[in-house]
Protein backbone atom coordinates (compact mmCIF):
# COMPACT_ATOMS: atom_id res chain seq x y z
CA MET A 1 24.85 153.38 162.70
CA ARG A 2 24.71 155.61 165.73
CA SER A 3 23.37 154.32 169.02
CA PRO A 4 20.09 155.16 170.77
CA ALA A 5 22.15 156.81 173.49
CA PHE A 6 23.79 159.16 170.96
CA GLN A 7 20.41 160.16 169.47
CA ARG A 8 19.00 160.74 172.93
CA VAL A 9 21.89 163.04 173.91
CA LEU A 10 21.72 164.79 170.50
CA ASP A 11 18.02 165.49 170.91
CA ASP A 12 18.33 166.55 174.54
CA VAL A 13 21.11 169.13 173.97
CA GLY A 14 19.93 170.22 170.58
CA SER A 15 16.37 170.90 171.69
CA ALA A 16 17.77 172.65 174.79
CA VAL A 17 19.70 175.04 172.61
CA VAL A 18 16.83 175.63 170.25
CA ASP A 19 14.23 176.28 172.90
CA GLY A 20 16.54 178.53 174.97
CA ARG A 21 17.20 176.33 177.98
CA LEU A 22 20.76 176.62 176.90
CA PRO A 23 20.68 180.26 175.74
CA ALA A 24 22.92 181.80 173.09
CA GLY A 25 26.28 182.88 174.57
CA SER A 26 26.10 180.49 177.54
CA ARG A 27 29.01 178.19 178.15
CA THR A 28 28.98 174.54 179.13
CA SER A 29 31.36 171.60 178.90
CA VAL A 30 31.46 167.96 177.94
CA GLU A 31 31.63 167.11 181.70
CA ALA A 32 28.57 169.20 182.50
CA LEU A 33 26.66 167.58 179.61
CA VAL A 34 27.72 164.11 180.84
CA ASP A 35 26.19 165.00 184.21
CA ARG A 36 23.03 166.44 182.45
CA THR A 37 22.43 163.46 180.23
CA LEU A 38 23.95 160.61 182.27
CA ALA A 39 25.56 159.44 179.04
CA SER A 40 29.23 158.37 178.45
CA ARG A 41 31.83 160.94 177.72
CA SER A 42 32.46 159.39 174.30
CA VAL A 43 28.68 159.65 173.34
CA VAL A 44 28.52 163.26 174.53
CA ARG A 45 31.67 164.26 172.68
CA GLU A 46 30.27 162.80 169.45
CA ALA A 47 26.97 164.57 169.94
CA THR A 48 28.73 167.92 170.54
CA ARG A 49 30.74 167.48 167.37
CA VAL A 50 27.48 166.98 165.44
CA LEU A 51 25.90 170.08 167.07
CA ALA A 52 28.96 172.09 166.25
CA SER A 53 28.61 170.98 162.60
CA LEU A 54 25.02 172.22 162.75
CA GLY A 55 26.18 175.65 164.02
CA LEU A 56 24.60 175.23 167.48
CA LEU A 57 27.81 175.03 169.42
CA THR A 58 31.46 176.05 169.17
CA ALA A 59 34.17 174.25 171.00
CA SER A 60 37.67 175.46 172.04
CA PRO A 61 40.17 174.03 174.53
CA ARG A 62 40.26 177.24 176.76
CA VAL A 63 36.63 178.26 176.61
CA GLY A 64 34.83 174.94 176.34
CA LEU A 65 31.50 174.73 174.54
CA VAL A 66 29.64 177.97 173.74
CA VAL A 67 25.98 178.11 172.42
CA ARG A 68 25.72 180.00 169.19
CA PRO A 69 22.87 182.39 168.26
CA ALA A 70 20.04 181.23 165.99
CA ALA A 71 21.42 183.21 163.03
CA GLN A 72 24.34 180.86 162.86
CA TRP A 73 22.42 177.55 162.92
CA ASN A 74 22.03 175.40 159.86
CA LEU A 75 18.29 176.17 159.67
CA LEU A 76 17.78 173.80 156.60
CA ASP A 77 19.03 170.78 158.55
CA PRO A 78 16.13 168.35 159.28
CA GLN A 79 17.14 167.87 162.83
CA VAL A 80 17.18 171.60 163.54
CA VAL A 81 13.82 171.97 161.86
CA ARG A 82 12.42 169.12 163.89
CA TRP A 83 13.68 170.77 167.12
CA ARG A 84 12.22 174.08 166.23
CA LEU A 85 8.77 172.42 165.39
CA SER A 86 8.88 170.88 168.86
CA GLY A 87 9.74 174.03 170.69
CA PRO A 88 8.55 177.68 171.22
CA ASP A 89 9.66 178.55 167.68
CA ARG A 90 7.08 176.23 166.21
CA GLU A 91 4.86 179.00 164.74
CA THR A 92 7.88 180.72 163.17
CA GLN A 93 9.27 177.50 161.80
CA THR A 94 5.86 176.54 160.39
CA ARG A 95 5.50 179.89 158.58
CA GLU A 96 8.99 179.60 157.24
CA LEU A 97 8.37 176.16 155.84
CA ARG A 98 5.14 177.41 154.18
CA GLU A 99 7.16 180.22 152.59
CA LEU A 100 9.90 177.83 151.42
CA ARG A 101 7.25 175.57 149.93
CA GLN A 102 5.56 178.42 148.09
CA VAL A 103 8.82 179.17 146.30
CA LEU A 104 10.24 175.73 145.88
CA GLU A 105 7.42 173.35 144.94
CA PRO A 106 5.91 175.07 141.92
CA ALA A 107 9.38 175.32 140.42
CA ALA A 108 10.18 171.73 141.25
CA ALA A 109 6.91 170.52 139.78
CA GLN A 110 7.61 172.32 136.52
CA ALA A 111 11.10 171.02 136.41
CA ALA A 112 9.99 167.50 137.16
CA ALA A 113 7.39 167.67 134.38
CA ARG A 114 10.19 168.50 131.96
CA ASN A 115 12.95 166.25 133.37
CA ALA A 116 11.43 163.15 134.94
CA ASP A 117 12.58 159.83 133.55
CA ASP A 118 10.19 157.08 132.44
CA ALA A 119 10.34 155.13 135.64
CA THR A 120 9.39 158.26 137.63
CA ARG A 121 6.48 159.07 135.26
CA THR A 122 5.21 155.51 135.58
CA ARG A 123 5.42 155.76 139.40
CA LEU A 124 3.53 159.09 139.25
CA ARG A 125 0.66 157.48 137.29
CA GLY A 126 0.55 154.80 139.95
CA LEU A 127 0.48 157.47 142.68
CA ALA A 128 -2.38 159.18 140.84
CA ARG A 129 -4.44 155.96 141.13
CA GLU A 130 -3.39 155.49 144.79
CA LEU A 131 -4.31 159.07 145.71
CA ARG A 132 -7.92 158.47 144.51
CA ALA A 133 -8.34 155.47 146.87
CA PRO A 134 -9.87 155.99 150.33
CA GLY A 135 -7.16 157.48 152.59
CA GLY A 136 -4.85 157.61 149.61
CA LEU A 137 -3.66 161.24 150.15
CA ALA A 138 -2.58 160.47 153.70
CA ARG A 139 -0.54 157.47 152.55
CA ALA A 140 0.98 158.92 149.39
CA ASP A 141 1.29 162.66 150.07
CA ALA A 142 4.91 162.56 151.37
CA GLU A 143 6.04 160.27 148.58
CA LEU A 144 4.55 162.55 145.94
CA HIS A 145 6.23 165.67 147.21
CA ASP A 146 9.56 163.97 147.62
CA LEU A 147 9.36 162.42 144.21
CA LEU A 148 8.78 165.77 142.55
CA LEU A 149 11.80 167.35 144.20
CA ARG A 150 14.04 164.40 143.26
CA ALA A 151 12.74 164.23 139.65
CA SER A 152 13.31 167.97 139.12
CA GLY A 153 16.91 167.42 138.01
CA ASN A 154 17.95 170.08 140.55
CA ALA A 155 20.29 168.68 143.20
CA THR A 156 19.55 171.61 145.53
CA PHE A 157 15.76 170.90 145.28
CA ALA A 158 16.36 167.24 146.02
CA ALA A 159 18.48 168.05 149.05
CA LEU A 160 15.54 169.88 150.53
CA GLY A 161 13.34 166.85 150.33
CA ALA A 162 13.75 165.91 154.00
CA VAL A 163 12.88 169.41 155.12
CA VAL A 164 9.75 169.54 152.90
CA GLY A 165 8.89 166.07 154.16
CA LEU A 166 8.80 167.40 157.69
CA ALA A 167 6.48 170.19 156.63
CA VAL A 168 4.17 167.66 154.85
CA ALA A 169 4.28 165.28 157.89
CA ASP A 170 3.39 168.19 160.30
CA ARG A 171 0.11 168.52 158.33
CA ALA A 172 -0.56 164.73 158.50
CA GLY A 173 -3.27 164.99 161.10
CA VAL A 174 -5.36 167.47 159.07
CA ARG A 175 -8.23 165.73 157.30
CA PRO A 176 -7.99 166.42 153.54
CA ALA A 177 -10.93 167.79 151.59
CA ALA A 178 -12.06 166.11 148.40
CA HIS A 179 -10.62 169.04 146.50
CA ASP A 180 -7.22 168.41 148.03
CA VAL A 181 -7.38 164.86 146.72
CA ARG A 182 -8.25 166.05 143.26
CA LEU A 183 -5.47 168.61 143.23
CA HIS A 184 -2.78 166.10 144.24
CA THR A 185 -4.11 163.55 141.75
CA ALA A 186 -4.05 166.16 138.96
CA LEU A 187 -0.48 167.23 140.00
CA ALA A 188 0.80 163.67 139.74
CA GLY A 189 -0.83 163.28 136.35
CA ALA A 190 0.39 166.63 134.99
CA VAL A 191 4.04 165.92 135.88
CA ALA A 192 3.69 162.39 134.45
CA ASP A 193 2.38 163.82 131.21
CA GLY A 194 5.07 166.52 131.02
CA GLU A 195 2.58 169.42 131.43
CA ALA A 196 4.93 171.83 133.15
CA ALA A 197 2.73 174.97 133.31
CA ALA A 198 -0.23 172.97 134.72
CA ALA A 199 2.12 171.19 137.24
CA GLY A 200 3.40 174.50 138.49
CA ASP A 201 -0.08 176.00 138.84
CA LEU A 202 -1.41 172.88 140.71
CA ALA A 203 1.56 172.87 143.07
CA ARG A 204 1.07 176.55 143.76
CA GLU A 205 -2.63 176.06 144.61
CA ILE A 206 -1.82 173.05 146.85
CA VAL A 207 0.72 175.06 148.98
CA ALA A 208 -1.78 178.15 149.02
CA ARG A 209 -4.48 175.90 150.46
CA THR A 210 -2.14 174.63 153.09
CA SER A 211 -1.16 178.23 153.94
CA ALA A 212 -4.85 179.31 154.17
CA ARG A 213 -5.46 176.72 156.86
């Protein structure tokens, strides 16, 4: 498990790249980032390795650390998404997440209706009951969306669960309407009952309502 100091440095430098305080093409060094973050050299080096794996930095012995342009970032990594949601790219990132959900979630709901195992269908029926309880959508929304992606039988869909979870969590402060509760309840039931076409239509309407807001 990585230390709080590591996460602090990762967030500090990662968000600085994403929001442009460390602009694309600029150069820095481990020593400069040690001075910037007041963290140990070993922590900074580990953080820069992770940032390089995410496409935010390149490192070479002669040049040092170079900030890479946004087109080269791993834009589906949850950490990069989180930094973009917290920075000046928030509006663009929010729109891109909506567009991803519009394509992904109806297909995942249909696939889950066809492929979910018995334990998942039982859990979905339980979620349908929980969603109808006062405040149930706020508590169970993220679990429902993640469960559909994992139950789809598509490993790529499942791998995007953390990114979709960030999109759902970003809407957590919006008070749901009664119709939203009914839609989510119906979606859980449709997938549990194997009704693929209905599940796809309900997921499509849920994302459309989110986009309309």
